[in-house]
N, C-alpha and C. Protein backbone atom coordinates (compact mmCIF):
# COMPACT_ATOMS: atom_id res chain seq x y z
N UNK A 1 74.18 -29.99 -18.45
CA UNK A 1 73.47 -31.06 -18.66
C UNK A 1 74.17 -31.77 -20.04
N UNK A 2 74.83 -32.90 -19.56
CA UNK A 2 75.63 -33.46 -20.94
C UNK A 2 74.85 -34.87 -21.33
N UNK A 3 74.27 -34.52 -22.10
CA UNK A 3 73.16 -35.44 -22.82
C UNK A 3 74.20 -36.78 -24.11
N UNK A 4 73.56 -37.99 -24.29
CA UNK A 4 74.24 -38.73 -24.55
C UNK A 4 73.90 -38.96 -26.10
N UNK A 5 74.26 -38.15 -26.80
CA UNK A 5 74.02 -37.83 -28.39
C UNK A 5 73.54 -38.92 -28.77
N UNK A 6 74.83 -39.62 -29.06
CA UNK A 6 74.70 -41.62 -29.76
C UNK A 6 73.21 -42.28 -29.49
N UNK A 7 72.82 -42.32 -28.02
CA UNK A 7 71.96 -42.83 -27.51
C UNK A 7 70.64 -41.87 -28.27
N UNK A 8 70.04 -40.66 -28.30
CA UNK A 8 68.64 -40.00 -29.02
C UNK A 8 69.33 -40.38 -30.27
N UNK A 9 70.40 -40.01 -30.96
CA UNK A 9 70.55 -40.40 -32.18
C UNK A 9 69.62 -41.62 -32.77
N UNK A 10 70.63 -42.82 -32.10
CA UNK A 10 69.88 -44.09 -32.63
C UNK A 10 67.74 -44.11 -32.33
N UNK A 11 67.82 -43.47 -31.16
CA UNK A 11 66.53 -43.60 -30.33
C UNK A 11 65.59 -43.24 -32.07
N UNK A 12 66.24 -41.46 -32.32
CA UNK A 12 65.59 -40.90 -33.28
C UNK A 12 65.79 -41.77 -34.92
N UNK A 13 66.78 -42.43 -35.43
CA UNK A 13 67.37 -42.93 -36.52
C UNK A 13 66.01 -44.56 -36.41
N UNK A 14 65.76 -44.86 -35.35
CA UNK A 14 64.81 -45.99 -35.35
C UNK A 14 63.37 -45.56 -35.32
N UNK A 15 62.81 -44.72 -34.58
CA UNK A 15 61.89 -44.21 -34.92
C UNK A 15 61.49 -43.91 -36.27
N UNK A 16 62.51 -43.02 -36.68
CA UNK A 16 62.37 -42.45 -38.14
C UNK A 16 61.87 -43.97 -39.09
N UNK A 17 63.18 -44.93 -39.16
CA UNK A 17 62.60 -46.31 -39.71
C UNK A 17 61.27 -46.60 -39.48
N UNK A 18 60.83 -46.80 -38.21
CA UNK A 18 59.97 -47.29 -38.68
C UNK A 18 58.42 -46.78 -39.12
N UNK A 19 58.53 -45.21 -38.33
CA UNK A 19 57.70 -44.69 -39.33
C UNK A 19 57.73 -44.57 -40.62
N UNK A 20 58.82 -44.56 -41.20
CA UNK A 20 59.03 -44.70 -43.03
C UNK A 20 57.86 -46.04 -43.44
N UNK A 21 58.07 -47.27 -42.70
CA UNK A 21 57.57 -48.01 -42.94
C UNK A 21 56.30 -48.44 -42.68
N UNK A 22 55.44 -47.43 -41.61
CA UNK A 22 54.43 -47.72 -41.66
C UNK A 22 53.64 -46.75 -42.33
N UNK A 23 54.02 -46.15 -42.80
CA UNK A 23 53.86 -44.81 -44.31
C UNK A 23 53.72 -45.68 -45.31
N UNK A 24 54.87 -46.22 -45.61
CA UNK A 24 55.14 -47.02 -46.77
C UNK A 24 53.79 -48.53 -46.86
N UNK A 25 52.81 -48.53 -45.75
CA UNK A 25 51.61 -49.20 -45.86
C UNK A 25 50.59 -48.85 -46.44
N UNK A 26 50.26 -47.32 -46.24
CA UNK A 26 49.36 -46.66 -46.69
C UNK A 26 49.58 -45.08 -47.94
N UNK A 27 50.50 -45.37 -48.34
CA UNK A 27 51.31 -43.90 -48.99
C UNK A 27 52.98 -44.44 -49.46
N UNK A 28 53.13 -43.40 -50.90
CA UNK A 28 54.41 -43.13 -51.37
C UNK A 28 55.06 -42.01 -51.44
N UNK A 29 56.21 -42.06 -51.41
CA UNK A 29 57.13 -40.80 -51.69
C UNK A 29 56.12 -39.86 -52.69
N UNK A 30 56.64 -38.67 -52.63
CA UNK A 30 55.96 -37.68 -53.48
C UNK A 30 56.88 -37.33 -54.25
N UNK A 31 57.27 -38.05 -55.55
CA UNK A 31 58.11 -37.49 -56.71
C UNK A 31 59.19 -36.72 -56.21
N UNK A 32 58.23 -35.60 -56.31
CA UNK A 32 58.21 -33.70 -56.45
C UNK A 32 58.53 -33.43 -55.64
N UNK A 33 58.72 -33.96 -53.99
CA UNK A 33 58.62 -33.29 -52.96
C UNK A 33 59.42 -34.64 -51.87
N UNK A 34 60.97 -34.96 -51.79
CA UNK A 34 61.09 -36.35 -51.56
C UNK A 34 60.66 -36.02 -49.64
N UNK A 35 60.08 -35.11 -49.04
CA UNK A 35 59.99 -35.26 -47.91
C UNK A 35 58.33 -35.10 -47.18
N UNK A 36 57.45 -35.14 -48.55
CA UNK A 36 55.97 -35.57 -48.47
C UNK A 36 55.47 -36.71 -49.14
N UNK A 37 54.89 -37.10 -48.58
CA UNK A 37 54.40 -38.32 -48.86
C UNK A 37 52.68 -38.72 -49.51
N UNK A 38 52.22 -39.25 -50.39
CA UNK A 38 51.11 -39.36 -51.03
C UNK A 38 50.17 -40.50 -50.97
N UNK A 39 48.92 -40.18 -50.10
CA UNK A 39 48.36 -41.57 -50.01
C UNK A 39 47.80 -42.10 -51.18
N UNK A 40 48.22 -43.80 -50.79
CA UNK A 40 47.51 -44.21 -51.98
C UNK A 40 45.89 -44.70 -51.87
N UNK A 41 45.58 -45.33 -52.70
CA UNK A 41 44.29 -45.80 -52.61
C UNK A 41 44.00 -46.95 -52.11
N UNK A 42 43.51 -47.63 -51.69
CA UNK A 42 42.80 -49.53 -51.03
C UNK A 42 43.00 -50.26 -51.94
N UNK A 43 43.70 -51.03 -52.57
CA UNK A 43 43.12 -52.07 -53.58
C UNK A 43 41.61 -53.04 -53.26
N UNK A 44 41.18 -52.70 -53.28
CA UNK A 44 39.92 -53.37 -52.76
C UNK A 44 39.09 -54.23 -54.16
N UNK A 45 39.33 -54.29 -54.95
CA UNK A 45 38.86 -54.68 -55.68
C UNK A 45 37.30 -54.42 -56.11
N UNK A 46 36.76 -53.33 -55.94
CA UNK A 46 35.53 -53.81 -55.92
C UNK A 46 35.05 -53.39 -57.30
N UNK A 47 33.43 -53.36 -57.43
CA UNK A 47 32.90 -53.53 -58.68
C UNK A 47 32.16 -51.74 -58.70
N UNK A 48 32.72 -50.61 -59.36
CA UNK A 48 32.71 -49.25 -59.67
C UNK A 48 31.53 -48.99 -59.76
N UNK A 49 29.89 -49.80 -59.93
CA UNK A 49 28.86 -49.88 -60.26
C UNK A 49 27.92 -49.95 -58.50
N UNK A 50 29.08 -50.85 -57.70
CA UNK A 50 28.13 -50.86 -56.37
C UNK A 50 28.61 -49.39 -55.44
N UNK A 51 27.67 -49.18 -55.45
CA UNK A 51 27.55 -47.55 -54.60
C UNK A 51 28.33 -47.77 -53.22
N UNK A 52 27.56 -48.95 -52.63
CA UNK A 52 28.27 -49.41 -51.22
C UNK A 52 29.90 -49.48 -51.44
N UNK A 53 30.25 -50.02 -52.20
CA UNK A 53 31.86 -50.67 -52.14
C UNK A 53 32.42 -49.81 -52.86
N UNK A 54 32.09 -48.31 -53.41
CA UNK A 54 32.59 -47.09 -53.60
C UNK A 54 33.25 -46.41 -52.06
N UNK A 55 31.72 -46.12 -52.01
CA UNK A 55 31.70 -45.67 -50.50
C UNK A 55 32.90 -46.31 -49.24
N UNK A 56 32.69 -47.72 -49.14
CA UNK A 56 33.73 -48.37 -48.34
C UNK A 56 35.07 -48.35 -49.00
N UNK A 57 35.17 -47.84 -50.14
CA UNK A 57 36.90 -47.83 -50.35
C UNK A 57 37.09 -46.27 -50.16
N UNK A 58 36.20 -45.45 -50.31
CA UNK A 58 36.21 -44.03 -50.00
C UNK A 58 36.46 -43.54 -48.49
N UNK A 59 35.78 -44.44 -47.74
CA UNK A 59 36.06 -44.15 -46.64
C UNK A 59 37.48 -44.64 -45.83
N UNK A 60 37.71 -46.17 -46.53
CA UNK A 60 38.94 -46.08 -46.15
C UNK A 60 40.00 -45.62 -47.22
N UNK A 61 40.33 -44.81 -47.71
CA UNK A 61 40.81 -43.43 -48.37
C UNK A 61 41.14 -42.37 -47.04
N UNK A 62 40.16 -42.14 -46.79
CA UNK A 62 40.12 -40.98 -46.04
C UNK A 62 40.47 -41.60 -44.04
N UNK A 63 40.40 -42.93 -44.06
CA UNK A 63 41.23 -43.43 -43.23
C UNK A 63 42.79 -43.48 -43.22
N UNK A 64 42.90 -43.68 -44.36
CA UNK A 64 44.69 -43.85 -45.00
C UNK A 64 45.07 -42.30 -44.64
N UNK A 65 44.23 -41.76 -45.13
CA UNK A 65 44.87 -40.08 -45.56
C UNK A 65 44.93 -39.65 -43.96
N UNK A 66 44.04 -39.89 -43.26
CA UNK A 66 44.25 -39.21 -41.81
C UNK A 66 45.69 -39.88 -41.11
N UNK A 67 45.44 -41.07 -41.14
CA UNK A 67 47.18 -41.97 -40.35
C UNK A 67 48.51 -41.02 -40.97
N UNK A 68 48.03 -41.35 -42.49
CA UNK A 68 49.30 -40.83 -43.26
C UNK A 68 49.47 -39.36 -43.11
N UNK A 69 48.42 -37.96 -42.47
CA UNK A 69 48.90 -37.02 -42.05
C UNK A 69 49.18 -37.29 -40.44
N UNK A 70 49.39 -38.05 -39.93
CA UNK A 70 49.60 -38.17 -38.90
C UNK A 70 51.18 -38.92 -38.58
N UNK A 71 51.35 -39.79 -39.12
CA UNK A 71 52.85 -40.32 -39.36
C UNK A 71 53.34 -39.34 -39.81
N UNK A 72 53.07 -38.99 -41.05
CA UNK A 72 53.97 -37.97 -41.69
C UNK A 72 54.59 -36.20 -40.74
N UNK A 73 53.76 -36.02 -39.68
CA UNK A 73 53.82 -35.47 -38.90
C UNK A 73 54.79 -35.20 -38.11
N UNK A 74 54.98 -36.43 -37.41
CA UNK A 74 55.94 -37.21 -36.56
C UNK A 74 56.87 -37.50 -37.44
N UNK A 75 57.34 -38.06 -38.41
CA UNK A 75 58.47 -38.06 -38.88
C UNK A 75 58.97 -36.80 -39.08
N UNK A 76 58.12 -35.71 -39.34
CA UNK A 76 58.94 -33.95 -40.03
C UNK A 76 59.37 -34.06 -38.52
N UNK A 77 58.95 -34.14 -37.47
CA UNK A 77 58.96 -33.92 -36.47
C UNK A 77 60.59 -34.71 -35.48
N UNK A 78 60.90 -35.86 -36.09
CA UNK A 78 61.70 -36.77 -36.43
C UNK A 78 62.92 -36.45 -37.01
N UNK A 79 62.79 -35.93 -38.34
CA UNK A 79 64.03 -35.66 -39.12
C UNK A 79 64.31 -34.43 -38.58
N UNK A 80 63.05 -33.35 -38.11
CA UNK A 80 63.92 -31.60 -37.13
C UNK A 80 64.95 -31.88 -36.14
N UNK A 81 64.41 -33.45 -35.28
CA UNK A 81 65.62 -33.44 -34.39
C UNK A 81 66.53 -34.00 -34.31
N UNK A 82 66.65 -34.48 -35.39
CA UNK A 82 67.81 -35.27 -36.07
C UNK A 82 68.91 -34.25 -36.91
N UNK A 83 68.21 -32.87 -37.75
CA UNK A 83 68.83 -31.61 -37.92
C UNK A 83 69.43 -30.78 -37.13
N UNK A 84 68.92 -30.86 -35.78
CA UNK A 84 69.22 -29.98 -34.22
C UNK A 84 70.28 -30.98 -33.62
N UNK A 85 70.25 -31.70 -34.04
CA UNK A 85 71.26 -32.84 -33.14
C UNK A 85 72.80 -32.66 -33.78
N UNK A 86 72.66 -32.43 -35.47
CA UNK A 86 73.91 -32.55 -35.87
C UNK A 86 74.10 -30.97 -35.71
N UNK A 87 73.38 -30.58 -35.93
CA UNK A 87 74.07 -29.10 -35.49
C UNK A 87 74.32 -28.44 -34.38
N UNK A 88 73.81 -29.19 -33.38
CA UNK A 88 74.87 -29.13 -32.38
C UNK A 88 73.32 -28.33 -31.17
N UNK A 89 72.02 -28.12 -31.51
CA UNK A 89 70.84 -27.20 -30.99
C UNK A 89 69.92 -28.73 -30.32
N UNK A 90 70.36 -29.41 -30.81
CA UNK A 90 69.26 -30.79 -29.72
C UNK A 90 69.59 -31.01 -28.25
N UNK A 91 68.04 -30.76 -27.42
CA UNK A 91 68.55 -30.69 -25.97
C UNK A 91 68.02 -29.17 -25.93
N UNK A 92 67.74 -28.32 -26.79
CA UNK A 92 67.92 -26.94 -26.14
C UNK A 92 66.26 -26.55 -26.81
N UNK A 93 65.98 -25.58 -26.10
CA UNK A 93 64.46 -25.11 -26.17
C UNK A 93 64.45 -24.54 -27.79
N UNK A 94 63.76 -24.66 -28.62
CA UNK A 94 64.19 -23.41 -29.67
C UNK A 94 63.08 -22.30 -29.53
N UNK A 95 62.28 -22.28 -28.64
CA UNK A 95 61.93 -21.30 -27.78
C UNK A 95 62.12 -20.15 -27.01
N UNK A 96 62.96 -20.43 -26.29
CA UNK A 96 63.71 -19.90 -25.11
C UNK A 96 65.15 -20.61 -25.12
N UNK A 97 65.31 -21.30 -25.65
CA UNK A 97 66.69 -22.17 -25.67
C UNK A 97 67.50 -22.41 -24.57
N UNK A 98 66.68 -22.34 -23.45
CA UNK A 98 66.87 -23.04 -22.19
C UNK A 98 67.13 -25.08 -22.81
N UNK A 99 67.70 -25.39 -21.65
CA UNK A 99 68.06 -26.90 -21.70
C UNK A 99 66.43 -27.85 -21.81
N UNK A 100 66.23 -28.56 -22.24
CA UNK A 100 64.95 -29.44 -22.48
C UNK A 100 65.42 -30.72 -21.22
N UNK A 101 64.45 -31.09 -20.13
CA UNK A 101 65.01 -31.82 -19.69
C UNK A 101 65.21 -33.57 -19.72
N UNK A 102 66.28 -33.73 -19.67
CA UNK A 102 66.45 -35.38 -20.19
C UNK A 102 65.30 -36.45 -20.35
N UNK A 103 64.66 -36.37 -19.04
CA UNK A 103 63.64 -37.17 -18.86
C UNK A 103 62.72 -37.14 -19.91
N UNK A 104 62.35 -35.43 -20.25
CA UNK A 104 61.36 -35.37 -21.42
C UNK A 104 61.96 -35.61 -22.98
N UNK A 105 62.86 -35.37 -22.90
CA UNK A 105 63.97 -36.01 -24.28
C UNK A 105 63.65 -37.55 -24.19
N UNK A 106 63.89 -38.32 -23.06
CA UNK A 106 63.66 -39.91 -22.81
C UNK A 106 62.41 -39.97 -23.47
N UNK A 107 61.58 -39.39 -23.38
CA UNK A 107 59.68 -39.74 -23.29
C UNK A 107 59.77 -39.09 -24.90
N UNK A 108 60.09 -38.10 -25.30
CA UNK A 108 59.70 -37.76 -26.49
C UNK A 108 61.23 -37.38 -27.06
N UNK A 109 62.06 -37.97 -27.91
CA UNK A 109 63.62 -37.64 -28.32
C UNK A 109 63.11 -36.73 -29.55
N UNK A 110 62.00 -35.84 -30.24
CA UNK A 110 62.02 -34.97 -30.73
C UNK A 110 61.66 -33.55 -30.27
N UNK A 111 61.46 -34.06 -28.80
CA UNK A 111 60.75 -32.59 -28.26
C UNK A 111 61.70 -31.68 -28.50
N UNK A 112 61.09 -30.71 -28.94
CA UNK A 112 61.74 -29.27 -29.13
C UNK A 112 61.76 -28.30 -28.17
N UNK A 113 60.77 -28.04 -27.36
CA UNK A 113 60.57 -27.24 -26.47
C UNK A 113 60.73 -27.65 -24.77
N UNK A 114 60.86 -26.68 -23.98
CA UNK A 114 60.71 -27.25 -22.94
C UNK A 114 59.97 -27.07 -22.02
N UNK A 115 59.35 -27.75 -21.03
CA UNK A 115 57.84 -28.01 -20.49
C UNK A 115 57.41 -27.07 -20.26
N UNK A 116 58.43 -25.57 -19.81
CA UNK A 116 57.45 -24.43 -19.72
C UNK A 116 57.06 -23.35 -20.97
N UNK A 117 57.54 -23.96 -22.41
CA UNK A 117 57.23 -23.50 -23.58
C UNK A 117 56.43 -24.66 -24.17
């Protein structure tokens, strides 16, 4: 199977840029660990004496943290796929070494395993 590596590289880089933009809305890069992001508190301009407003802010923070973890995980998958692309391992199952079907890669360019695994 001969994959159009440039096509997949472009797809991965575009998704990476999109994910980093989405992350920037709820988190900031961790200065101590560049591949990690820290969720930021929402700027809700609340009165700290109002328990309901504080609870709303905490709930919003938890929503942001959940979103941040989900997007950060996908970003990690994309970065791993880009590494596999550069190292010549892109499109090969990391479990068994079989070729990953091109249709699977087109649906999810970050796929690291074949359908079997």
